[in-house]
Amino acid sequence: MSNLKKYKWKNRILLIETPNYQNTNYKNVRDDYEKHIKDFHKRFIKKITKLNKNLTFNIKLIGFDGEVKKEYKKLNPKSIFKTVDKMPMGKLMKKNSKISPKNLSLYSDYNKETTVPGLGFKDKAKAIYTLEKIKNKPIKYQISVVNTMIGRAKSHPHKTDKMDEAIKVFQKWLDNYKKTKI
C-alpha cells in the first residue's frame, strides 16, 4: 500500500480490491460510489481501485493516518458514513497541522446532465476554447466553470507554464466580468 502514502493526511481512502473490472461486486461498488459521491467527498473519502487477479473482492476504509479502519464485503454507504462521522478527526485536525484534507469536489462532476464536455486549462488555446464553449450558458455557470478551471490549474500536481497562460486568460475574463458588473 506504499502508493497510498501520498494520500496520508490528505484523504480517507475507500480501497476497492478486485480481481477484474468485470466483477459484479466491483461494478456495484463503482456505481454506488458515484450515486453517493457528494457524501463521500464531504467526508474526504476518495475511491481507489486495486486490480489484482489473485485478489478476492474486498473493500477497505483507510483513515487519514493511513491505517485500515474497517473492511467490508459489500458497500453500504450509510454504514460507512456512520463509521466516518464517529471518527475523532475534528479534534485531531485542530491539534495536528499535518492534516489538511484535500477538497475532492474540485475534481468531480456532481451534475453530469449539464456538463459541457471538452473544457480545460492545459494552455491558452484551451482556455479560449473553454470560454467560447460556455459563453451562451447562464452567467452563474460561466463563473463557476472559470473559477473551477483557475482552481484546478493552480493546484495541478504537474502545473506547467502553459497552464499559467490559461490561468491568465481565465483571470482576465473574471476581472472583465467584475468590471462590467459594477
Foldseek 3Di string as FASTA:
>chain_A
DVVCVVQALAAKEWEWEDQDCVDPQNVQVVVVCLVCVVLCLVLRYDYDYDHHNPDHTKIFTADSRRHTDDIDNHDDPVVVSVVSVPDPVVVVVVVDVSRDYDRCVLVDDNDVVPDDPQAAQQAQVSLVVNCVSCVPPPPVVVVVVLVSRLVCQVPPPPHDVRSVRSNVVSVVVVVVVVVVVD
